[in-house]
């Protein structure tokens, strides 16, 4: 579980870095990569924590 939290943290950091590069350079592919990383990170996080909540309910 600790590993998964670190992976999510570093993926969110990577998305933030992409958005910072987009703000600094104005190149649209950094924004696109940032959105893709953010989208899949959030999907994985919601799935993982959804499973944890489901286990507690049962």
PDB file of N, CA and C in Angstrom:
ATOM      1  N   UNK A   1       0.818  -1.174   0.000  1.00  0.00           N
ATOM      2  CA  UNK A   1       0.000   0.000   0.000  1.00  0.00           C
ATOM      3  C   UNK A   1       0.878   1.260   0.000  1.00  0.00           C
ATOM      4  N   UNK A   2       1.959   1.217   0.728  1.00  0.00           N
ATOM      5  CA  UNK A   2       2.872   2.355   0.741  1.00  0.00           C
ATOM      6  C   UNK A   2       3.464   2.586  -0.652  1.00  0.00           C
ATOM      7  N   UNK A   3       3.786   1.511  -1.334  1.00  0.00           N
ATOM      8  CA  UNK A   3       4.324   1.627  -2.693  1.00  0.00           C
ATOM      9  C   UNK A   3       3.319   2.301  -3.617  1.00  0.00           C
ATOM     10  N   UNK A   4       2.052   1.918  -3.511  1.00  0.00           N
ATOM     11  CA  UNK A   4       1.030   2.512  -4.365  1.00  0.00           C
ATOM     12  C   UNK A   4       0.887   4.004  -4.095  1.00  0.00           C
ATOM     13  N   UNK A   5       0.963   4.400  -2.828  1.00  0.00           N
ATOM     14  CA  UNK A   5       0.882   5.823  -2.499  1.00  0.00           C
ATOM     15  C   UNK A   5       2.050   6.602  -3.091  1.00  0.00           C
ATOM     16  N   UNK A   6       3.244   6.026  -3.042  1.00  0.00           N
ATOM     17  CA  UNK A   6       4.411   6.690  -3.625  1.00  0.00           C
ATOM     18  C   UNK A   6       4.285   6.799  -5.141  1.00  0.00           C
ATOM     19  N   UNK A   7       3.761   5.755  -5.772  1.00  0.00           N
ATOM     20  CA  UNK A   7       3.579   5.786  -7.231  1.00  0.00           C
ATOM     21  C   UNK A   7       2.600   6.894  -7.599  1.00  0.00           C
ATOM     22  N   UNK A   8       1.490   6.989  -6.875  1.00  0.00           N
ATOM     23  CA  UNK A   8       0.514   8.049  -7.147  1.00  0.00           C
ATOM     24  C   UNK A   8       1.149   9.421  -6.931  1.00  0.00           C
ATOM     25  N   UNK A   9       1.916   9.556  -5.849  1.00  0.00           N
ATOM     26  CA  UNK A   9       2.572  10.834  -5.573  1.00  0.00           C
ATOM     27  C   UNK A   9       3.502  11.234  -6.722  1.00  0.00           C
ATOM     28  N   UNK A  10       4.316  10.311  -7.198  1.00  0.00           N
ATOM     29  CA  UNK A  10       5.268  10.649  -8.260  1.00  0.00           C
ATOM     30  C   UNK A  10       4.569  10.892  -9.596  1.00  0.00           C
ATOM     31  N   UNK A  11       3.469  10.194  -9.856  1.00  0.00           N
ATOM     32  CA  UNK A  11       2.721  10.468 -11.080  1.00  0.00           C
ATOM     33  C   UNK A  11       2.067  11.844 -11.035  1.00  0.00           C
ATOM     34  N   UNK A  12       1.531  12.230  -9.876  1.00  0.00           N
ATOM     35  CA  UNK A  12       0.976  13.572  -9.741  1.00  0.00           C
ATOM     36  C   UNK A  12       2.077  14.629  -9.869  1.00  0.00           C
ATOM     37  N   UNK A  13       3.242  14.328  -9.343  1.00  0.00           N
ATOM     38  CA  UNK A  13       4.377  15.232  -9.497  1.00  0.00           C
ATOM     39  C   UNK A  13       4.781  15.361 -10.971  1.00  0.00           C
ATOM     40  N   UNK A  14       4.761  14.258 -11.689  1.00  0.00           N
ATOM     41  CA  UNK A  14       5.087  14.291 -13.122  1.00  0.00           C
ATOM     42  C   UNK A  14       4.056  15.113 -13.891  1.00  0.00           C
ATOM     43  N   UNK A  15       2.772  14.961 -13.553  1.00  0.00           N
ATOM     44  CA  UNK A  15       1.735  15.758 -14.211  1.00  0.00           C
ATOM     45  C   UNK A  15       1.946  17.240 -13.917  1.00  0.00           C
ATOM     46  N   UNK A  16       2.249  17.568 -12.667  1.00  0.00           N
ATOM     47  CA  UNK A  16       2.512  18.957 -12.309  1.00  0.00           C
ATOM     48  C   UNK A  16       3.717  19.522 -13.039  1.00  0.00           C
ATOM     49  N   UNK A  17       4.736  18.696 -13.213  1.00  0.00           N
ATOM     50  CA  UNK A  17       5.925  19.119 -13.959  1.00  0.00           C
ATOM     51  C   UNK A  17       5.581  19.394 -15.415  1.00  0.00           C
ATOM     52  N   UNK A  18       4.759  18.543 -16.003  1.00  0.00           N
ATOM     53  CA  UNK A  18       4.331  18.769 -17.391  1.00  0.00           C
ATOM     54  C   UNK A  18       3.565  20.082 -17.515  1.00  0.00           C
ATOM     55  N   UNK A  19       2.671  20.359 -16.548  1.00  0.00           N
ATOM     56  CA  UNK A  19       1.927  21.616 -16.593  1.00  0.00           C
ATOM     57  C   UNK A  19       2.858  22.817 -16.404  1.00  0.00           C
ATOM     58  N   UNK A  20       3.881  22.664 -15.573  1.00  0.00           N
ATOM     59  CA  UNK A  20       4.848  23.747 -15.394  1.00  0.00           C
ATOM     60  C   UNK A  20       5.636  23.989 -16.683  1.00  0.00           C
ATOM     61  N   UNK A  21       6.025  22.906 -17.363  1.00  0.00           N
ATOM     62  CA  UNK A  21       6.722  23.064 -18.647  1.00  0.00           C
ATOM     63  C   UNK A  21       5.817  23.740 -19.672  1.00  0.00           C
ATOM     64  N   UNK A  22       4.533  23.391 -19.653  1.00  0.00           N
ATOM     65  CA  UNK A  22       3.593  24.028 -20.577  1.00  0.00           C
ATOM     66  C   UNK A  22       3.489  25.523 -20.277  1.00  0.00           C
ATOM     67  N   UNK A  23       3.431  25.867 -18.985  1.00  0.00           N
ATOM     68  CA  UNK A  23       3.337  27.282 -18.616  1.00  0.00           C
ATOM     69  C   UNK A  23       4.607  28.041 -19.003  1.00  0.00           C
ATOM     70  N   UNK A  24       5.755  27.378 -18.889  1.00  0.00           N
ATOM     71  CA  UNK A  24       7.025  28.045 -19.184  1.00  0.00           C
ATOM     72  C   UNK A  24       7.281  28.161 -20.679  1.00  0.00           C
ATOM     73  N   UNK A  25       6.932  27.123 -21.445  1.00  0.00           N
ATOM     74  CA  UNK A  25       7.274  27.125 -22.866  1.00  0.00           C
ATOM     75  C   UNK A  25       6.093  27.419 -23.777  1.00  0.00           C
ATOM     76  N   UNK A  26       4.881  27.129 -23.323  1.00  0.00           N
ATOM     77  CA  UNK A  26       3.709  27.340 -24.166  1.00  0.00           C
ATOM     78  C   UNK A  26       3.482  26.246 -25.194  1.00  0.00           C
ATOM     79  N   UNK A  27       4.253  25.175 -25.108  1.00  0.00           N
ATOM     80  CA  UNK A  27       4.100  24.089 -26.083  1.00  0.00           C
ATOM     81  C   UNK A  27       2.950  23.182 -25.652  1.00  0.00           C
ATOM     82  N   UNK A  28       2.006  22.921 -26.546  1.00  0.00           N
ATOM     83  CA  UNK A  28       0.782  22.215 -26.162  1.00  0.00           C
ATOM     84  C   UNK A  28       0.973  20.737 -25.830  1.00  0.00           C
ATOM     85  N   UNK A  29       2.044  20.108 -26.296  1.00  0.00           N
ATOM     86  CA  UNK A  29       2.184  18.677 -26.019  1.00  0.00           C
ATOM     87  C   UNK A  29       2.476  18.410 -24.547  1.00  0.00           C
ATOM     88  N   UNK A  30       3.073  19.391 -23.842  1.00  0.00           N
ATOM     89  CA  UNK A  30       3.285  19.225 -22.396  1.00  0.00           C
ATOM     90  C   UNK A  30       1.946  19.213 -21.657  1.00  0.00           C
ATOM     91  N   UNK A  31       1.036  20.067 -22.077  1.00  0.00           N
ATOM     92  CA  UNK A  31      -0.292  20.102 -21.460  1.00  0.00           C
ATOM     93  C   UNK A  31      -1.029  18.791 -21.722  1.00  0.00           C
ATOM     94  N   UNK A  32      -0.922  18.289 -22.941  1.00  0.00           N
ATOM     95  CA  UNK A  32      -1.582  17.033 -23.301  1.00  0.00           C
ATOM     96  C   UNK A  32      -1.047  15.878 -22.462  1.00  0.00           C
ATOM     97  N   UNK A  33       0.275  15.788 -22.310  1.00  0.00           N
ATOM     98  CA  UNK A  33       0.873  14.726 -21.493  1.00  0.00           C
ATOM     99  C   UNK A  33       0.463  14.859 -20.035  1.00  0.00           C
ATOM    100  N   UNK A  34       0.425  16.097 -19.547  1.00  0.00           N
ATOM    101  CA  UNK A  34       0.014  16.321 -18.166  1.00  0.00           C
ATOM    102  C   UNK A  34      -1.407  15.867 -17.915  1.00  0.00           C
ATOM    103  N   UNK A  35      -2.300  16.165 -18.849  1.00  0.00           N
ATOM    104  CA  UNK A  35      -3.691  15.731 -18.698  1.00  0.00           C
ATOM    105  C   UNK A  35      -3.829  14.213 -18.770  1.00  0.00           C
ATOM    106  N   UNK A  36      -3.076  13.583 -19.646  1.00  0.00           N
ATOM    107  CA  UNK A  36      -3.135  12.120 -19.764  1.00  0.00           C
ATOM    108  C   UNK A  36      -2.618  11.462 -18.479  1.00  0.00           C
ATOM    109  N   UNK A  37      -1.494  11.937 -17.985  1.00  0.00           N
ATOM    110  CA  UNK A  37      -0.938  11.378 -16.738  1.00  0.00           C
ATOM    111  C   UNK A  37      -1.910  11.591 -15.587  1.00  0.00           C
ATOM    112  N   UNK A  38      -2.465  12.800 -15.487  1.00  0.00           N
ATOM    113  CA  UNK A  38      -3.399  13.107 -14.407  1.00  0.00           C
ATOM    114  C   UNK A  38      -4.657  12.247 -14.488  1.00  0.00           C
ATOM    115  N   UNK A  39      -5.191  12.080 -15.687  1.00  0.00           N
ATOM    116  CA  UNK A  39      -6.416  11.292 -15.858  1.00  0.00           C
ATOM    117  C   UNK A  39      -6.212   9.854 -15.404  1.00  0.00           C
ATOM    118  N   UNK A  40      -5.160   9.211 -15.873  1.00  0.00           N
ATOM    119  CA  UNK A  40      -4.947   7.808 -15.525  1.00  0.00           C
ATOM    120  C   UNK A  40      -4.514   7.617 -14.081  1.00  0.00           C
ATOM    121  N   UNK A  41      -3.836   8.604 -13.519  1.00  0.00           N
ATOM    122  CA  UNK A  41      -3.480   8.535 -12.103  1.00  0.00           C
ATOM    123  C   UNK A  41      -4.728   8.594 -11.234  1.00  0.00           C
ATOM    124  N   UNK A  42      -5.645   9.496 -11.564  1.00  0.00           N
ATOM    125  CA  UNK A  42      -6.874   9.604 -10.790  1.00  0.00           C
ATOM    126  C   UNK A  42      -7.759   8.377 -10.948  1.00  0.00           C
ATOM    127  N   UNK A  43      -7.832   7.816 -12.146  1.00  0.00           N
ATOM    128  CA  UNK A  43      -8.610   6.596 -12.358  1.00  0.00           C
ATOM    129  C   UNK A  43      -8.039   5.449 -11.522  1.00  0.00           C
ATOM    130  N   UNK A  44      -6.732   5.297 -11.530  1.00  0.00           N
ATOM    131  CA  UNK A  44      -6.103   4.236 -10.741  1.00  0.00           C
ATOM    132  C   UNK A  44      -6.290   4.468  -9.244  1.00  0.00           C
ATOM    133  N   UNK A  45      -6.162   5.709  -8.802  1.00  0.00           N
ATOM    134  CA  UNK A  45      -6.319   6.015  -7.374  1.00  0.00           C
ATOM    135  C   UNK A  45      -7.749   5.762  -6.916  1.00  0.00           C
ATOM    136  N   UNK A  46      -8.732   6.216  -7.684  1.00  0.00           N
ATOM    137  CA  UNK A  46     -10.127   5.974  -7.307  1.00  0.00           C
ATOM    138  C   UNK A  46     -10.444   4.487  -7.300  1.00  0.00           C
ATOM    139  N   UNK A  47      -9.897   3.755  -8.246  1.00  0.00           N
ATOM    140  CA  UNK A  47     -10.110   2.302  -8.259  1.00  0.00           C
ATOM    141  C   UNK A  47      -9.491   1.630  -7.051  1.00  0.00           C
ATOM    142  N   UNK A  48      -8.275   1.988  -6.734  1.00  0.00           N
ATOM    143  CA  UNK A  48      -7.582   1.383  -5.602  1.00  0.00           C
ATOM    144  C   UNK A  48      -8.288   1.687  -4.286  1.00  0.00           C
ATOM    145  N   UNK A  49      -8.601   2.955  -4.065  1.00  0.00           N
ATOM    146  CA  UNK A  49      -9.253   3.319  -2.811  1.00  0.00           C
ATOM    147  C   UNK A  49     -10.703   2.840  -2.780  1.00  0.00           C
ATOM    148  N   UNK A  50     -11.330   2.689  -3.934  1.00  0.00           N
ATOM    149  CA  UNK A  50     -12.666   2.095  -3.982  1.00  0.00           C
ATOM    150  C   UNK A  50     -12.645   0.651  -3.515  1.00  0.00           C
ATOM    151  N   UNK A  51     -11.626  -0.083  -3.917  1.00  0.00           N
ATOM    152  CA  UNK A  51     -11.482  -1.474  -3.460  1.00  0.00           C
ATOM    153  C   UNK A  51     -11.248  -1.515  -1.962  1.00  0.00           C
ATOM    154  N   UNK A  52     -10.430  -0.613  -1.430  1.00  0.00           N
ATOM    155  CA  UNK A  52     -10.207  -0.571   0.013  1.00  0.00           C
ATOM    156  C   UNK A  52     -11.498  -0.269   0.771  1.00  0.00           C
ATOM    157  N   UNK A  53     -12.285   0.662   0.278  1.00  0.00           N
ATOM    158  CA  UNK A  53     -13.559   0.988   0.933  1.00  0.00           C
ATOM    159  C   UNK A  53     -14.524  -0.192   0.832  1.00  0.00           C
ATOM    160  N   UNK A  54     -14.562  -0.839  -0.316  1.00  0.00           N
ATOM    161  CA  UNK A  54     -15.435  -2.001  -0.496  1.00  0.00           C
ATOM    162  C   UNK A  54     -15.063  -3.129   0.459  1.00  0.00           C
ATOM    163  N   UNK A  55     -13.773  -3.348   0.689  1.00  0.00           N
ATOM    164  CA  UNK A  55     -13.335  -4.359   1.644  1.00  0.00           C
ATOM    165  C   UNK A  55     -13.786  -4.037   3.062  1.00  0.00           C
ATOM    166  N   UNK A  56     -13.747  -2.763   3.423  1.00  0.00           N
ATOM    167  CA  UNK A  56     -14.182  -2.372   4.768  1.00  0.00           C
ATOM    168  C   UNK A  56     -15.680  -2.546   4.955  1.00  0.00           C
ATOM    169  N   UNK A  57     -16.465  -2.315   3.895  1.00  0.00           N
ATOM    170  CA  UNK A  57     -17.909  -2.455   3.981  1.00  0.00           C
ATOM    171  C   UNK A  57     -18.275  -3.920   4.202  1.00  0.00           C
ATOM    172  N   UNK A  58     -17.568  -4.792   3.525  1.00  0.00           N
ATOM    173  CA  UNK A  58     -17.868  -6.231   3.691  1.00  0.00           C
ATOM    174  C   UNK A  58     -17.230  -6.712   4.923  1.00  0.00           C
TER     175      UNK A  58
END
